[in-house]
């Protein structure tokens, strides 16, 4: 299957199960996660790479809703020049990247006003609360497969929704099942041996430990 327009990647919402709302009082302030499972599901459309994590957190401040878009959870930072003006594609400096759908935004809405131009942006990592890195194993060595590089200009970092709607702190534990959709898993990785590194963040921007999946090929974890 060929990649088309370098925009084959989309993200699926996470499903979250809160298994216990009154666990022991010694739960960690910094989220703690453990690897649980990894599956590859092929369909007639986009295929899913699904990772399941176990989590524990003392405050229960895990998750971001669609309305959590203001700093520090804003998606993009608009790059400005020394005078504080937005940098447009037509007047880009020599060190600006060529046009791609990650570094440039066309006609963005800023403070409820549409800017009728193409602006240079950078991605805010704090917009995401689950971060995923891919590694390919060749000759016994691992090399990171960076989705943000050409020709993909994308990411498999994502968001999962709030575990608890109320702001009252409460210790929680359970599972996060995170599905990543793509039309191109097989065409990109074929029979490569892979592993993932994953971490999550709470709303205080505390980062969990990093969990690493076992080595796998897509065929080995196909469901």
C-alpha atoms as a PDB file:
ATOM      1  CA  UNK A   1       0.000   0.000   0.000  1.00  0.00           C
ATOM      2  CA  UNK A   2       1.515   3.314  -1.049  1.00  0.00           C
ATOM      3  CA  UNK A   3       1.593   6.366   1.163  1.00  0.00           C
ATOM      4  CA  UNK A   4      -0.454   9.167  -0.321  1.00  0.00           C
ATOM      5  CA  UNK A   5       0.151  12.878   0.221  1.00  0.00           C
ATOM      6  CA  UNK A   6       2.204  12.072   3.313  1.00  0.00           C
ATOM      7  CA  UNK A   7      -0.956  12.487   5.420  1.00  0.00           C
ATOM      8  CA  UNK A   8      -1.909   8.890   6.062  1.00  0.00           C
ATOM      9  CA  UNK A   9      -1.775   9.188   9.845  1.00  0.00           C
ATOM     10  CA  UNK A  10      -4.762   9.907  12.060  1.00  0.00           C
ATOM     11  CA  UNK A  11      -5.291   9.396  15.762  1.00  0.00           C
ATOM     12  CA  UNK A  12      -8.096   7.487  17.436  1.00  0.00           C
ATOM     13  CA  UNK A  13      -9.488   8.544  20.798  1.00  0.00           C
ATOM     14  CA  UNK A  14      -8.315   6.530  23.760  1.00  0.00           C
ATOM     15  CA  UNK A  15     -10.675   4.432  25.763  1.00  0.00           C
ATOM     16  CA  UNK A  16     -10.014   4.723  29.500  1.00  0.00           C
ATOM     17  CA  UNK A  17     -11.169   2.395  32.256  1.00  0.00           C
ATOM     18  CA  UNK A  18     -10.901   3.566  35.836  1.00  0.00           C
ATOM     19  CA  UNK A  19     -10.722   0.371  37.830  1.00  0.00           C
ATOM     20  CA  UNK A  20     -10.462   1.709  41.366  1.00  0.00           C
ATOM     21  CA  UNK A  21     -11.177   5.114  42.867  1.00  0.00           C
ATOM     22  CA  UNK A  22      -9.992   4.371  46.407  1.00  0.00           C
ATOM     23  CA  UNK A  23      -6.612   2.625  46.117  1.00  0.00           C
ATOM     24  CA  UNK A  24      -3.919   2.729  48.842  1.00  0.00           C
ATOM     25  CA  UNK A  25      -2.801   6.127  50.088  1.00  0.00           C
ATOM     26  CA  UNK A  26       0.806   5.574  48.957  1.00  0.00           C
ATOM     27  CA  UNK A  27      -0.034   6.015  45.255  1.00  0.00           C
ATOM     28  CA  UNK A  28       2.538   8.203  43.462  1.00  0.00           C
ATOM     29  CA  UNK A  29       2.098  11.936  42.820  1.00  0.00           C
ATOM     30  CA  UNK A  30       3.971  11.444  39.561  1.00  0.00           C
ATOM     31  CA  UNK A  31       1.901   9.076  37.382  1.00  0.00           C
ATOM     32  CA  UNK A  32       3.166   5.505  37.288  1.00  0.00           C
ATOM     33  CA  UNK A  33       2.559   3.299  34.260  1.00  0.00           C
ATOM     34  CA  UNK A  34       3.310  -0.295  33.313  1.00  0.00           C
ATOM     35  CA  UNK A  35       3.165  -2.036  29.958  1.00  0.00           C
ATOM     36  CA  UNK A  36       0.178  -4.348  29.625  1.00  0.00           C
ATOM     37  CA  UNK A  37      -0.400  -5.396  26.003  1.00  0.00           C
ATOM     38  CA  UNK A  38       0.208  -4.583  22.337  1.00  0.00           C
ATOM     39  CA  UNK A  39      -1.986  -5.540  19.368  1.00  0.00           C
ATOM     40  CA  UNK A  40      -2.122  -4.949  15.618  1.00  0.00           C
ATOM     41  CA  UNK A  41      -5.586  -5.023  14.032  1.00  0.00           C
ATOM     42  CA  UNK A  42      -6.030  -4.907  10.257  1.00  0.00           C
ATOM     43  CA  UNK A  43      -9.298  -3.810   8.683  1.00  0.00           C
ATOM     44  CA  UNK A  44     -10.596  -2.904   5.245  1.00  0.00           C
ATOM     45  CA  UNK A  45      -9.713   0.697   6.072  1.00  0.00           C
ATOM     46  CA  UNK A  46      -7.148   2.091   8.487  1.00  0.00           C
ATOM     47  CA  UNK A  47      -5.264  -0.441  10.595  1.00  0.00           C
ATOM     48  CA  UNK A  48      -4.788  -0.023  14.347  1.00  0.00           C
ATOM     49  CA  UNK A  49      -1.690  -0.372  16.496  1.00  0.00           C
ATOM     50  CA  UNK A  50      -3.072  -0.597  20.030  1.00  0.00           C
ATOM     51  CA  UNK A  51      -1.057  -0.328  23.228  1.00  0.00           C
ATOM     52  CA  UNK A  52      -2.560  -0.949  26.669  1.00  0.00           C
ATOM     53  CA  UNK A  53      -1.004   0.548  29.813  1.00  0.00           C
ATOM     54  CA  UNK A  54      -1.767   0.109  33.494  1.00  0.00           C
ATOM     55  CA  UNK A  55      -1.649   3.345  35.483  1.00  0.00           C
ATOM     56  CA  UNK A  56      -1.705   4.624  39.063  1.00  0.00           C
ATOM     57  CA  UNK A  57      -1.911   8.251  40.208  1.00  0.00           C
ATOM     58  CA  UNK A  58      -2.445   9.822  43.624  1.00  0.00           C
ATOM     59  CA  UNK A  59      -4.274  13.005  42.586  1.00  0.00           C
ATOM     60  CA  UNK A  60      -6.358  11.715  39.686  1.00  0.00           C
ATOM     61  CA  UNK A  61      -5.366  14.711  37.547  1.00  0.00           C
ATOM     62  CA  UNK A  62      -4.880  12.625  34.435  1.00  0.00           C
ATOM     63  CA  UNK A  63      -6.493  13.450  31.110  1.00  0.00           C
ATOM     64  CA  UNK A  64      -7.368  16.474  28.992  1.00  0.00           C
ATOM     65  CA  UNK A  65     -10.744  17.372  27.523  1.00  0.00           C
ATOM     66  CA  UNK A  66     -11.389  19.100  24.207  1.00  0.00           C
ATOM     67  CA  UNK A  67     -11.788  22.418  26.064  1.00  0.00           C
ATOM     68  CA  UNK A  68      -8.279  22.159  27.558  1.00  0.00           C
ATOM     69  CA  UNK A  69      -6.654  24.232  24.808  1.00  0.00           C
ATOM     70  CA  UNK A  70      -5.339  27.237  26.708  1.00  0.00           C
ATOM     71  CA  UNK A  71      -1.742  27.539  27.971  1.00  0.00           C
ATOM     72  CA  UNK A  72      -0.009  25.374  28.955  1.00  0.00           C
ATOM     73  CA  UNK A  73      -2.164  23.004  26.863  1.00  0.00           C
ATOM     74  CA  UNK A  74      -2.281  25.068  23.649  1.00  0.00           C
ATOM     75  CA  UNK A  75      -1.531  23.033  20.554  1.00  0.00           C
ATOM     76  CA  UNK A  76       0.711  25.485  18.692  1.00  0.00           C
ATOM     77  CA  UNK A  77       3.104  28.357  19.328  1.00  0.00           C
ATOM     78  CA  UNK A  78       3.172  30.995  16.605  1.00  0.00           C
ATOM     79  CA  UNK A  79       6.758  31.971  15.871  1.00  0.00           C
ATOM     80  CA  UNK A  80       7.490  35.700  15.771  1.00  0.00           C
ATOM     81  CA  UNK A  81      10.379  37.863  14.583  1.00  0.00           C
ATOM     82  CA  UNK A  82      12.422  40.287  16.703  1.00  0.00           C
ATOM     83  CA  UNK A  83       9.647  42.857  16.383  1.00  0.00           C
ATOM     84  CA  UNK A  84       7.057  40.409  17.713  1.00  0.00           C
ATOM     85  CA  UNK A  85       5.359  39.963  14.331  1.00  0.00           C
ATOM     86  CA  UNK A  86       4.147  36.609  13.072  1.00  0.00           C
ATOM     87  CA  UNK A  87       6.444  35.072  10.451  1.00  0.00           C
ATOM     88  CA  UNK A  88       4.620  34.440   7.191  1.00  0.00           C
ATOM     89  CA  UNK A  89       5.618  31.978   4.499  1.00  0.00           C
ATOM     90  CA  UNK A  90       6.020  34.730   1.909  1.00  0.00           C
ATOM     91  CA  UNK A  91       8.512  36.556   4.154  1.00  0.00           C
ATOM     92  CA  UNK A  92      10.144  33.573   5.813  1.00  0.00           C
ATOM     93  CA  UNK A  93      13.808  33.811   6.865  1.00  0.00           C
ATOM     94  CA  UNK A  94      16.498  31.568   5.423  1.00  0.00           C
ATOM     95  CA  UNK A  95      16.381  29.186   8.404  1.00  0.00           C
ATOM     96  CA  UNK A  96      12.640  28.545   8.084  1.00  0.00           C
ATOM     97  CA  UNK A  97      11.559  25.121   6.779  1.00  0.00           C
ATOM     98  CA  UNK A  98       9.955  24.573   3.406  1.00  0.00           C
ATOM     99  CA  UNK A  99       6.193  24.336   3.435  1.00  0.00           C
ATOM    100  CA  UNK A 100       4.724  21.278   5.155  1.00  0.00           C
ATOM    101  CA  UNK A 101       1.540  20.680   7.105  1.00  0.00           C
ATOM    102  CA  UNK A 102       3.301  20.582  10.462  1.00  0.00           C
ATOM    103  CA  UNK A 103       5.500  23.717  10.456  1.00  0.00           C
ATOM    104  CA  UNK A 104       3.063  25.983   8.637  1.00  0.00           C
ATOM    105  CA  UNK A 105      -0.631  26.756   9.215  1.00  0.00           C
ATOM    106  CA  UNK A 106      -2.858  28.328   6.578  1.00  0.00           C
ATOM    107  CA  UNK A 107      -5.419  30.943   7.670  1.00  0.00           C
ATOM    108  CA  UNK A 108      -5.200  30.173  11.418  1.00  0.00           C
ATOM    109  CA  UNK A 109      -7.743  31.451  13.924  1.00  0.00           C
ATOM    110  CA  UNK A 110      -5.952  33.488  16.610  1.00  0.00           C
ATOM    111  CA  UNK A 111      -7.930  35.172  19.395  1.00  0.00           C
ATOM    112  CA  UNK A 112     -11.112  34.511  17.390  1.00  0.00           C
ATOM    113  CA  UNK A 113      -9.698  36.341  14.375  1.00  0.00           C
ATOM    114  CA  UNK A 114      -8.788  34.591  11.154  1.00  0.00           C
ATOM    115  CA  UNK A 115      -5.318  35.487   9.889  1.00  0.00           C
ATOM    116  CA  UNK A 116      -5.461  35.353   6.105  1.00  0.00           C
ATOM    117  CA  UNK A 117      -1.909  34.171   5.635  1.00  0.00           C
ATOM    118  CA  UNK A 118       0.343  31.160   6.190  1.00  0.00           C
ATOM    119  CA  UNK A 119       2.190  31.321   9.510  1.00  0.00           C
ATOM    120  CA  UNK A 120       5.218  29.505  10.899  1.00  0.00           C
ATOM    121  CA  UNK A 121       4.387  27.487  14.019  1.00  0.00           C
ATOM    122  CA  UNK A 122       6.016  25.098  16.455  1.00  0.00           C
ATOM    123  CA  UNK A 123       4.259  22.252  18.196  1.00  0.00           C
ATOM    124  CA  UNK A 124       3.725  22.478  21.956  1.00  0.00           C
ATOM    125  CA  UNK A 125       4.542  19.087  23.471  1.00  0.00           C
ATOM    126  CA  UNK A 126       2.437  19.914  26.539  1.00  0.00           C
ATOM    127  CA  UNK A 127      -0.643  19.779  24.313  1.00  0.00           C
ATOM    128  CA  UNK A 128      -0.286  15.993  24.490  1.00  0.00           C
ATOM    129  CA  UNK A 129      -0.616  13.784  27.550  1.00  0.00           C
ATOM    130  CA  UNK A 130       0.624  10.538  26.010  1.00  0.00           C
ATOM    131  CA  UNK A 131       3.914  10.516  24.125  1.00  0.00           C
ATOM    132  CA  UNK A 132       5.062   7.642  21.925  1.00  0.00           C
ATOM    133  CA  UNK A 133       8.444   7.003  20.312  1.00  0.00           C
ATOM    134  CA  UNK A 134       9.102   4.322  17.675  1.00  0.00           C
ATOM    135  CA  UNK A 135      12.376   2.445  17.301  1.00  0.00           C
ATOM    136  CA  UNK A 136      13.514   0.030  14.564  1.00  0.00           C
ATOM    137  CA  UNK A 137      15.972  -2.736  15.454  1.00  0.00           C
ATOM    138  CA  UNK A 138      18.561  -3.557  12.811  1.00  0.00           C
ATOM    139  CA  UNK A 139      21.803  -5.387  13.372  1.00  0.00           C
ATOM    140  CA  UNK A 140      21.111  -5.491  17.091  1.00  0.00           C
ATOM    141  CA  UNK A 141      20.916  -1.687  17.335  1.00  0.00           C
ATOM    142  CA  UNK A 142      17.868   0.527  17.757  1.00  0.00           C
ATOM    143  CA  UNK A 143      17.303   3.651  15.664  1.00  0.00           C
ATOM    144  CA  UNK A 144      14.445   6.045  16.388  1.00  0.00           C
ATOM    145  CA  UNK A 145      11.902   6.333  13.589  1.00  0.00           C
ATOM    146  CA  UNK A 146      10.975   9.996  13.783  1.00  0.00           C
ATOM    147  CA  UNK A 147       7.505  10.630  12.362  1.00  0.00           C
ATOM    148  CA  UNK A 148       8.057  14.389  12.414  1.00  0.00           C
ATOM    149  CA  UNK A 149      10.741  14.106   9.715  1.00  0.00           C
ATOM    150  CA  UNK A 150      10.017  14.133   5.968  1.00  0.00           C
ATOM    151  CA  UNK A 151       8.019  12.745   4.302  1.00  0.00           C
ATOM    152  CA  UNK A 152       5.483  12.258   7.117  1.00  0.00           C
ATOM    153  CA  UNK A 153       5.530  15.491   9.162  1.00  0.00           C
ATOM    154  CA  UNK A 154       3.240  13.992  11.760  1.00  0.00           C
ATOM    155  CA  UNK A 155       3.181  12.529  15.273  1.00  0.00           C
ATOM    156  CA  UNK A 156       1.648   9.665  17.189  1.00  0.00           C
ATOM    157  CA  UNK A 157       1.620  11.622  20.418  1.00  0.00           C
ATOM    158  CA  UNK A 158      -1.959  12.125  21.539  1.00  0.00           C
ATOM    159  CA  UNK A 159      -4.502  12.913  24.218  1.00  0.00           C
ATOM    160  CA  UNK A 160      -6.753  10.884  26.445  1.00  0.00           C
ATOM    161  CA  UNK A 161      -9.786  12.436  28.193  1.00  0.00           C
ATOM    162  CA  UNK A 162     -10.040  13.385  31.855  1.00  0.00           C
ATOM    163  CA  UNK A 163     -10.377  10.460  34.209  1.00  0.00           C
ATOM    164  CA  UNK A 164     -12.312  12.506  36.758  1.00  0.00           C
ATOM    165  CA  UNK A 165     -14.486  15.466  35.840  1.00  0.00           C
ATOM    166  CA  UNK A 166     -14.416  17.044  39.275  1.00  0.00           C
ATOM    167  CA  UNK A 167     -11.291  18.920  40.380  1.00  0.00           C
ATOM    168  CA  UNK A 168     -11.212  17.242  43.792  1.00  0.00           C
ATOM    169  CA  UNK A 169      -8.077  15.134  44.160  1.00  0.00           C
ATOM    170  CA  UNK A 170      -8.633  11.404  44.310  1.00  0.00           C
ATOM    171  CA  UNK A 171      -6.281   8.446  43.876  1.00  0.00           C
ATOM    172  CA  UNK A 172      -7.078   6.313  40.830  1.00  0.00           C
ATOM    173  CA  UNK A 173      -5.775   3.285  38.956  1.00  0.00           C
ATOM    174  CA  UNK A 174      -6.830   1.438  35.827  1.00  0.00           C
ATOM    175  CA  UNK A 175      -5.978   0.915  32.154  1.00  0.00           C
ATOM    176  CA  UNK A 176      -5.367   3.176  29.192  1.00  0.00           C
ATOM    177  CA  UNK A 177      -5.960   1.584  25.781  1.00  0.00           C
ATOM    178  CA  UNK A 178      -4.425   3.783  23.109  1.00  0.00           C
ATOM    179  CA  UNK A 179      -5.184   3.077  19.431  1.00  0.00           C
ATOM    180  CA  UNK A 180      -3.085   4.573  16.637  1.00  0.00           C
ATOM    181  CA  UNK A 181      -4.689   4.478  13.178  1.00  0.00           C
ATOM    182  CA  UNK A 182      -2.817   4.381   9.885  1.00  0.00           C
ATOM    183  CA  UNK A 183      -3.269   3.202   6.311  1.00  0.00           C
ATOM    184  CA  UNK A 184       0.469   2.625   6.099  1.00  0.00           C
ATOM    185  CA  UNK A 185       1.681   0.439   8.963  1.00  0.00           C
ATOM    186  CA  UNK A 186       2.526  -2.487   6.683  1.00  0.00           C
ATOM    187  CA  UNK A 187       4.025  -0.376   3.924  1.00  0.00           C
ATOM    188  CA  UNK A 188       6.258   1.560   6.335  1.00  0.00           C
ATOM    189  CA  UNK A 189       7.452  -1.254   8.597  1.00  0.00           C
ATOM    190  CA  UNK A 190       6.805  -4.523   6.688  1.00  0.00           C
ATOM    191  CA  UNK A 191       8.799  -7.143   8.647  1.00  0.00           C
ATOM    192  CA  UNK A 192      10.858  -4.718  10.741  1.00  0.00           C
ATOM    193  CA  UNK A 193      11.455  -5.467  14.403  1.00  0.00           C
ATOM    194  CA  UNK A 194      10.121  -2.558  16.466  1.00  0.00           C
ATOM    195  CA  UNK A 195       9.728  -1.361  20.005  1.00  0.00           C
ATOM    196  CA  UNK A 196       7.861   1.599  21.490  1.00  0.00           C
ATOM    197  CA  UNK A 197       8.743   3.913  24.359  1.00  0.00           C
ATOM    198  CA  UNK A 198       5.736   5.539  26.039  1.00  0.00           C
ATOM    199  CA  UNK A 199       5.100   7.998  28.847  1.00  0.00           C
ATOM    200  CA  UNK A 200       2.105  10.015  30.060  1.00  0.00           C
ATOM    201  CA  UNK A 201       1.663  13.414  31.737  1.00  0.00           C
ATOM    202  CA  UNK A 202      -0.777  14.695  34.319  1.00  0.00           C
ATOM    203  CA  UNK A 203      -2.284  18.194  34.226  1.00  0.00           C
ATOM    204  CA  UNK A 204       0.464  19.464  36.535  1.00  0.00           C
ATOM    205  CA  UNK A 205       2.832  18.398  33.717  1.00  0.00           C
ATOM    206  CA  UNK A 206       4.407  15.684  35.844  1.00  0.00           C
ATOM    207  CA  UNK A 207       5.816  13.054  33.499  1.00  0.00           C
ATOM    208  CA  UNK A 208       5.456   9.375  34.298  1.00  0.00           C
ATOM    209  CA  UNK A 209       8.168   6.798  34.039  1.00  0.00           C
ATOM    210  CA  UNK A 210       8.944   5.606  30.515  1.00  0.00           C
ATOM    211  CA  UNK A 211       7.763   2.100  29.622  1.00  0.00           C
ATOM    212  CA  UNK A 212       9.285   0.110  26.795  1.00  0.00           C
ATOM    213  CA  UNK A 213       7.388  -2.560  24.897  1.00  0.00           C
ATOM    214  CA  UNK A 214       8.986  -5.897  24.069  1.00  0.00           C
ATOM    215  CA  UNK A 215      10.435  -6.217  20.569  1.00  0.00           C
ATOM    216  CA  UNK A 216       7.739  -7.042  18.025  1.00  0.00           C
ATOM    217  CA  UNK A 217       6.870  -7.302  14.370  1.00  0.00           C
ATOM    218  CA  UNK A 218       3.393  -6.440  13.157  1.00  0.00           C
ATOM    219  CA  UNK A 219       2.669 -10.047  12.258  1.00  0.00           C
ATOM    220  CA  UNK A 220       3.686 -11.237  15.734  1.00  0.00           C
ATOM    221  CA  UNK A 221       1.090  -9.059  17.481  1.00  0.00           C
ATOM    222  CA  UNK A 222      -1.674  -9.278  14.887  1.00  0.00           C
ATOM    223  CA  UNK A 223      -5.071 -10.012  16.362  1.00  0.00           C
END
